[in-house]
Amino acid sequence: MAEAVGVPFFFDWEVQLMEWLQAHIGNTGVGFWILSNLSAFGEQLLLVVIMGFLYWGLNKEFGKYVGLNVLMVNVWNPMIKNVVLRLRPYMVTDTIKPLRLVDEGADPMDVAAQGYSFPSGHSSNAVTVYGSLAVHEKKRKLLWVVAVVLPLLVGFSRVFVGVHYPTDVLCGWLLGIVVITLVPWLRRVIKNRWLFYGVLLLTAVPGFFFCKTNDYFSSLGMLVGFIFAEPFEEKFVKFENTSNIFRCILRTVGGGLIYFGLNEVLKLPFPKELLDAGNVVSQLIRVLRYAAVIFTVIGVYPMLFKLTDKIWSKKKQEPEPEEKPEEEPVA
């Protein structure tokens, strides 16, 4: 097992709380399954589903609003992590077990794959996504309940599974609040789109020179892809949203398959040793790969909607076959 390189610091009460939780809840049974899986509300798959359902289906502008907030929190979070360099709890003490790793296929002590601890990315993601929904739809009280409850559950889960200290979670929530306040404010103040994007990139690109973890480079690539996909879609695609839930689901499923499938396909030209090297070349490939994926799903994939809309409209316009009148029985 590799040796994690970073800074081990914590408050005694944090370790004691985590040890108590893991000792009393354990790592088996229904309670463990529920608490560990609460982390999913702040993970990539569910975020893709939520943003995709909005962008491809119900409301394009709403989807872009939530999506940009999420992209920025996922760039800024690892930048902070790579400055603070706080090791995850299980990397510091053997009494805390990693019950749900960030990357299940990698060495638990591989910081490049697992990331640093401070602040909690799942917690900041949860506040950003569900908080963005509530802020955008201010009058929907249920969304405000969701925006409070789900981040609390996600944060508790991250502490229980041993990958974050409570202070990581608290500061993750704070970062999410900053993002959903600051990014929309900048967009209102900076009217020129390219100047607005330039400001965001100025805050994001410096991480390329000091970040060592994969999460930053993936997020930077997605931000770059989004920046070019949005105007491309507005000029060349101009797809229309739909209120039909079935079509929203189909569009979301298709976009999700392209997102995850294309990501794997774009790895094929490169040897695994290069992709896992963690050097400038491998990280640049990661940035370009994720930029291509996001550009495709945001800008190119919606071109298919015009074709499917025509097919859908044609089916709706086809007259139903007339029922033949029943013949009267011959007397």
Protein backbone atom coordinates (compact mmCIF):
# COMPACT_ATOMS: atom_id res chain seq x y z
CA MET A 1 0.00 0.00 0.00
CA ALA A 2 1.33 3.45 -0.96
CA GLU A 3 2.14 6.04 1.65
CA ALA A 4 -0.14 9.08 1.52
CA VAL A 5 1.71 12.39 1.24
CA GLY A 6 0.06 15.34 2.91
CA VAL A 7 -0.60 17.11 6.19
CA PRO A 8 -2.21 15.18 9.08
CA PHE A 9 -4.11 17.53 11.36
CA PHE A 10 -7.40 17.20 13.23
CA PHE A 11 -9.19 17.94 16.48
CA ASP A 12 -9.31 15.09 18.99
CA TRP A 13 -13.11 15.29 19.23
CA GLU A 14 -13.40 14.63 15.49
CA VAL A 15 -11.54 11.34 15.67
CA GLN A 16 -13.39 10.31 18.82
CA LEU A 17 -16.76 11.03 17.16
CA MET A 18 -15.85 9.06 14.03
CA GLU A 19 -14.55 6.13 16.03
CA TRP A 20 -17.75 6.10 18.10
CA LEU A 21 -19.98 6.17 15.00
CA GLN A 22 -18.13 3.34 13.27
CA ALA A 23 -18.01 1.25 16.45
CA HIS A 24 -21.74 1.60 17.17
CA ILE A 25 -23.11 1.40 13.62
CA GLY A 26 -20.59 -1.09 12.23
CA ASN A 27 -19.89 -1.96 8.61
CA THR A 28 -22.73 -4.40 7.97
CA GLY A 29 -26.49 -4.43 8.17
CA VAL A 30 -29.30 -2.13 7.09
CA GLY A 31 -28.10 0.87 9.10
CA PHE A 32 -24.66 0.72 7.52
CA TRP A 33 -26.11 0.34 4.03
CA ILE A 34 -28.41 3.34 4.43
CA LEU A 35 -25.84 5.65 6.00
CA SER A 36 -23.06 4.80 3.57
CA ASN A 37 -25.31 5.21 0.54
CA LEU A 38 -26.51 8.66 1.62
CA SER A 39 -23.22 9.84 0.11
CA ALA A 40 -24.73 9.12 -3.32
CA PHE A 41 -26.77 12.34 -3.07
CA GLY A 42 -23.52 14.26 -3.56
CA GLU A 43 -21.89 11.98 -6.15
CA GLN A 44 -21.31 12.37 -9.87
CA LEU A 45 -23.98 10.00 -11.20
CA LEU A 46 -26.90 11.66 -9.43
CA LEU A 47 -25.60 15.15 -10.26
CA VAL A 48 -25.44 14.22 -13.96
CA VAL A 49 -29.01 12.92 -13.77
CA ILE A 50 -30.35 16.08 -12.09
CA MET A 51 -28.55 18.54 -14.35
CA GLY A 52 -29.26 16.47 -17.46
CA PHE A 53 -32.96 16.15 -16.66
CA LEU A 54 -33.16 19.93 -16.34
CA TYR A 55 -30.95 20.90 -19.29
CA TRP A 56 -31.97 18.27 -21.86
CA GLY A 57 -35.54 18.01 -20.69
CA LEU A 58 -37.49 20.53 -18.63
CA ASN A 59 -35.64 23.85 -18.71
CA LYS A 60 -32.40 24.52 -20.58
CA GLU A 61 -31.56 27.79 -18.82
CA PHE A 62 -32.29 26.31 -15.40
CA GLY A 63 -29.97 23.40 -16.24
CA LYS A 64 -27.16 25.74 -17.28
CA TYR A 65 -27.62 27.75 -14.09
CA VAL A 66 -27.28 24.69 -11.87
CA GLY A 67 -24.57 23.16 -14.07
CA LEU A 68 -22.25 26.17 -14.00
CA ASN A 69 -22.54 26.43 -10.22
CA VAL A 70 -21.63 22.75 -9.90
CA LEU A 71 -18.70 23.07 -12.30
CA MET A 72 -17.24 25.98 -10.35
CA VAL A 73 -17.56 24.30 -6.96
CA ASN A 74 -15.87 21.22 -8.41
CA VAL A 75 -12.95 23.33 -9.64
CA TRP A 76 -12.53 25.46 -6.53
CA ASN A 77 -12.94 22.58 -4.08
CA PRO A 78 -9.88 20.57 -5.21
CA MET A 79 -7.87 23.79 -5.55
CA ILE A 80 -8.46 24.44 -1.85
CA LYS A 81 -7.71 20.79 -1.07
CA ASN A 82 -4.36 20.99 -2.87
CA VAL A 83 -3.38 24.06 -0.86
CA VAL A 84 -4.42 22.70 2.55
CA LEU A 85 -3.22 19.11 1.78
CA ARG A 86 -5.20 17.63 4.66
CA LEU A 87 -5.02 13.83 4.62
CA ARG A 88 -8.24 11.86 4.93
CA PRO A 89 -8.98 10.47 8.42
CA TYR A 90 -8.31 6.81 7.55
CA MET A 91 -4.95 7.84 6.06
CA VAL A 92 -3.87 9.16 9.45
CA THR A 93 -5.17 6.64 11.97
CA ASP A 94 -5.82 2.90 11.79
CA THR A 95 -8.80 3.21 14.13
CA ILE A 96 -10.91 4.82 11.37
CA LYS A 97 -11.82 2.61 8.42
CA PRO A 98 -12.59 3.78 4.84
CA LEU A 99 -16.07 2.35 4.30
CA ARG A 100 -16.79 4.15 1.00
CA LEU A 101 -13.82 5.29 -1.07
CA VAL A 102 -13.93 8.05 -3.66
CA ASP A 103 -12.28 5.69 -6.16
CA GLU A 104 -13.06 2.09 -5.27
CA GLY A 105 -10.65 0.79 -7.89
CA ALA A 106 -7.60 2.66 -6.58
CA ASP A 107 -5.29 2.25 -3.60
CA PRO A 108 -6.98 3.85 -0.55
CA MET A 109 -3.72 5.69 0.18
CA ASP A 110 -3.36 7.03 -3.38
CA VAL A 111 -4.01 10.74 -2.84
CA ALA A 112 -4.10 11.48 -6.59
CA ALA A 113 -7.08 9.14 -6.98
CA GLN A 114 -8.80 9.57 -3.59
CA GLY A 115 -8.16 13.29 -3.18
CA TYR A 116 -7.42 15.29 -0.07
CA SER A 117 -9.87 15.75 2.78
CA PHE A 118 -10.50 19.48 3.27
CA PRO A 119 -13.12 20.59 2.36
CA SER A 120 -15.60 17.80 1.64
CA GLY A 121 -16.47 17.69 -2.07
CA HIS A 122 -19.65 15.69 -1.53
CA SER A 123 -20.86 18.24 1.02
CA SER A 124 -20.10 21.23 -1.19
CA ASN A 125 -21.72 19.45 -4.16
CA ALA A 126 -24.88 18.75 -2.19
CA VAL A 127 -25.27 22.35 -1.03
CA THR A 128 -24.51 23.66 -4.52
CA VAL A 129 -26.91 21.40 -6.42
CA TYR A 130 -29.87 21.40 -4.06
CA GLY A 131 -29.25 24.97 -2.97
CA SER A 132 -29.21 26.09 -6.62
CA LEU A 133 -32.55 24.38 -7.18
CA ALA A 134 -34.07 26.16 -4.18
CA VAL A 135 -32.59 29.59 -4.97
CA HIS A 136 -33.69 29.45 -8.61
CA GLU A 137 -37.21 28.31 -7.69
CA LYS A 138 -37.63 30.49 -4.62
CA LYS A 139 -41.35 29.88 -4.14
CA ARG A 140 -41.13 26.10 -4.00
CA LYS A 141 -40.91 25.37 -0.27
CA LEU A 142 -40.22 21.67 -0.79
CA LEU A 143 -36.97 22.49 -2.59
CA TRP A 144 -35.82 24.52 0.41
CA VAL A 145 -36.47 21.52 2.64
CA VAL A 146 -34.44 19.36 0.24
CA ALA A 147 -31.67 21.99 0.13
CA VAL A 148 -31.27 21.72 3.91
CA VAL A 149 -31.95 18.05 4.62
CA LEU A 150 -29.94 16.33 1.87
CA PRO A 151 -26.66 18.19 2.52
CA LEU A 152 -27.01 17.36 6.22
CA LEU A 153 -27.46 13.67 5.41
CA VAL A 154 -24.59 13.67 2.92
CA GLY A 155 -22.27 15.36 5.41
CA PHE A 156 -23.14 12.89 8.14
CA SER A 157 -22.53 10.01 5.74
CA ARG A 158 -19.08 11.30 4.77
CA VAL A 159 -18.06 11.45 8.43
CA PHE A 160 -19.45 8.00 9.18
CA VAL A 161 -17.69 6.28 6.25
CA GLY A 162 -14.36 7.65 7.47
CA VAL A 163 -13.33 9.81 4.52
CA HIS A 164 -13.96 13.26 6.03
CA TYR A 165 -13.58 15.00 9.36
CA PRO A 166 -16.61 16.99 10.61
CA THR A 167 -14.72 20.23 9.94
CA ASP A 168 -14.27 19.11 6.30
CA VAL A 169 -18.03 18.82 6.03
CA LEU A 170 -18.74 22.17 7.68
CA CYS A 171 -16.37 23.99 5.33
CA GLY A 172 -17.73 22.04 2.36
CA TRP A 173 -21.20 23.37 3.16
CA LEU A 174 -19.77 26.88 3.48
CA LEU A 175 -18.04 26.62 0.10
CA GLY A 176 -21.31 25.53 -1.51
CA ILE A 177 -23.10 28.57 -0.07
CA VAL A 178 -20.35 30.86 -1.38
CA VAL A 179 -20.62 29.38 -4.88
CA ILE A 180 -24.40 29.63 -5.23
CA THR A 181 -24.15 33.24 -4.05
CA LEU A 182 -21.02 34.40 -5.91
CA VAL A 183 -21.31 32.79 -9.37
CA PRO A 184 -24.86 34.03 -10.16
CA TRP A 185 -23.91 37.47 -8.80
CA LEU A 186 -20.89 37.63 -11.14
CA ARG A 187 -23.09 36.66 -14.07
CA ARG A 188 -25.51 39.49 -13.27
CA VAL A 189 -22.73 42.04 -12.85
CA ILE A 190 -20.57 41.03 -15.84
CA LYS A 191 -22.89 41.38 -18.83
CA ASN A 192 -20.40 40.23 -21.48
CA ARG A 193 -20.43 36.44 -21.60
CA TRP A 194 -16.79 36.00 -22.64
CA LEU A 195 -15.58 38.44 -20.01
CA PHE A 196 -17.61 36.53 -17.41
CA TYR A 197 -16.11 33.22 -18.53
CA GLY A 198 -12.67 34.80 -18.59
CA VAL A 199 -13.04 35.81 -14.93
CA LEU A 200 -14.10 32.27 -13.99
CA LEU A 201 -11.14 30.79 -15.87
CA LEU A 202 -8.75 33.22 -14.18
CA THR A 203 -9.85 31.77 -10.85
CA ALA A 204 -9.64 28.18 -12.13
CA VAL A 205 -6.52 27.87 -14.31
CA PRO A 206 -3.91 28.56 -11.58
CA GLY A 207 -4.71 25.15 -10.10
CA PHE A 208 -3.10 23.54 -13.15
CA PHE A 209 0.29 24.56 -11.77
CA PHE A 210 -0.05 23.19 -8.25
CA CYS A 211 -2.90 20.64 -8.10
CA LYS A 212 -1.88 16.97 -7.98
CA THR A 213 -5.28 15.26 -7.77
CA ASN A 214 -7.39 14.01 -10.67
CA ASP A 215 -10.62 15.66 -9.53
CA TYR A 216 -9.30 19.14 -10.31
CA PHE A 217 -8.21 18.31 -13.86
CA SER A 218 -11.49 16.52 -14.60
CA SER A 219 -13.47 19.54 -13.41
CA LEU A 220 -11.28 22.03 -15.27
CA GLY A 221 -11.87 20.08 -18.47
CA MET A 222 -15.62 20.06 -17.90
CA LEU A 223 -15.61 23.82 -17.30
CA VAL A 224 -13.72 24.44 -20.56
CA GLY A 225 -16.11 22.15 -22.44
CA PHE A 226 -19.13 23.96 -21.01
CA ILE A 227 -17.74 27.40 -21.89
CA PHE A 228 -17.52 26.49 -25.57
CA ALA A 229 -20.61 24.26 -25.71
CA GLU A 230 -23.07 26.88 -24.45
CA PRO A 231 -22.58 29.42 -27.30
CA PHE A 232 -22.27 26.57 -29.83
CA GLU A 233 -25.67 25.23 -28.82
CA GLU A 234 -27.25 28.69 -28.85
CA LYS A 235 -25.97 29.45 -32.37
CA PHE A 236 -26.15 26.12 -34.20
CA VAL A 237 -28.51 23.82 -32.30
CA LYS A 238 -31.24 25.76 -30.47
CA PHE A 239 -33.03 22.68 -29.22
CA GLU A 240 -36.38 22.98 -27.49
CA ASN A 241 -37.24 21.64 -24.07
CA THR A 242 -40.15 19.36 -23.45
CA SER A 243 -42.67 19.03 -20.66
CA ASN A 244 -43.21 15.38 -21.51
CA ILE A 245 -41.65 13.44 -18.64
CA PHE A 246 -41.11 10.30 -20.72
CA ARG A 247 -39.12 12.25 -23.29
CA CYS A 248 -37.16 14.01 -20.52
CA ILE A 249 -36.18 10.61 -19.15
CA LEU A 250 -35.16 9.31 -22.59
CA ARG A 251 -33.02 12.39 -23.25
CA THR A 252 -31.38 12.09 -19.83
CA VAL A 253 -30.64 8.40 -20.23
CA GLY A 254 -29.15 9.01 -23.69
CA GLY A 255 -27.02 11.89 -22.44
CA GLY A 256 -25.82 9.90 -19.46
CA LEU A 257 -24.80 6.98 -21.65
CA ILE A 258 -22.86 9.32 -23.93
CA TYR A 259 -21.24 11.07 -20.97
CA PHE A 260 -19.91 7.90 -19.36
CA GLY A 261 -19.39 5.94 -22.58
CA LEU A 262 -17.48 8.64 -24.46
CA ASN A 263 -15.26 9.18 -21.44
CA GLU A 264 -14.18 5.54 -21.65
CA VAL A 265 -13.82 5.59 -25.44
CA LEU A 266 -11.50 8.60 -25.31
CA LYS A 267 -9.16 6.67 -23.03
CA LEU A 268 -8.57 3.95 -25.62
CA PRO A 269 -5.90 5.73 -27.72
CA PHE A 270 -3.65 6.10 -24.67
CA PRO A 271 -1.83 3.44 -22.64
CA LYS A 272 -3.12 3.04 -19.08
CA GLU A 273 0.36 3.76 -17.72
CA LEU A 274 0.26 7.22 -19.32
CA LEU A 275 -3.24 7.99 -18.08
CA ASP A 276 -2.27 7.03 -14.52
CA ALA A 277 1.16 8.70 -14.57
CA GLY A 278 -0.01 11.88 -12.83
CA ASN A 279 2.37 14.06 -14.84
CA VAL A 280 1.66 17.16 -16.95
CA VAL A 281 0.94 15.15 -20.09
CA SER A 282 -1.52 12.76 -18.42
CA GLN A 283 -3.35 15.60 -16.69
CA LEU A 284 -3.54 17.61 -19.92
CA ILE A 285 -5.06 14.56 -21.61
CA ARG A 286 -7.59 14.36 -18.78
CA VAL A 287 -8.52 18.03 -19.21
CA LEU A 288 -8.98 17.65 -22.98
CA ARG A 289 -10.90 14.40 -22.57
CA TYR A 290 -13.43 15.86 -20.19
CA ALA A 291 -13.70 19.05 -22.26
CA ALA A 292 -14.57 16.93 -25.31
CA VAL A 293 -17.13 14.92 -23.35
CA ILE A 294 -18.95 17.97 -21.98
CA PHE A 295 -18.85 19.79 -25.33
CA THR A 296 -20.44 16.73 -26.91
CA VAL A 297 -23.24 16.22 -24.39
CA ILE A 298 -24.06 19.93 -23.99
CA GLY A 299 -23.52 21.17 -27.55
CA VAL A 300 -23.65 18.28 -30.00
CA TYR A 301 -25.92 15.61 -28.49
CA PRO A 302 -29.01 17.92 -28.47
CA MET A 303 -28.85 17.99 -32.29
CA LEU A 304 -30.58 14.61 -32.13
CA PHE A 305 -33.58 16.17 -30.40
CA LYS A 306 -34.81 17.84 -33.60
CA LEU A 307 -34.95 14.45 -35.29
CA THR A 308 -36.68 12.78 -32.37
CA ASP A 309 -39.07 15.75 -32.04
CA LYS A 310 -40.13 15.28 -35.68
CA ILE A 311 -40.70 11.57 -35.13
CA TRP A 312 -42.67 12.30 -31.97
CA SER A 313 -44.79 14.98 -33.68
CA LYS A 314 -45.45 12.72 -36.65
CA LYS A 315 -46.73 9.97 -34.39
CA LYS A 316 -49.02 12.40 -32.60
CA GLN A 317 -50.43 13.72 -35.90
CA GLU A 318 -51.17 10.30 -37.38
CA PRO A 319 -54.96 9.83 -37.33
CA GLU A 320 -56.23 6.89 -35.42
CA PRO A 321 -57.83 4.23 -37.63
CA GLU A 322 -61.60 4.60 -37.83
CA GLU A 323 -63.59 1.86 -36.26
CA LYS A 324 -65.80 0.03 -38.72
CA PRO A 325 -69.47 0.08 -37.78
CA GLU A 326 -70.75 -3.22 -36.63
CA GLU A 327 -72.86 -4.98 -39.29
CA GLU A 328 -76.42 -5.61 -38.31
CA PRO A 329 -77.24 -9.29 -38.16
CA VAL A 330 -79.30 -10.55 -41.08
CA ALA A 331 -82.77 -11.50 -39.96
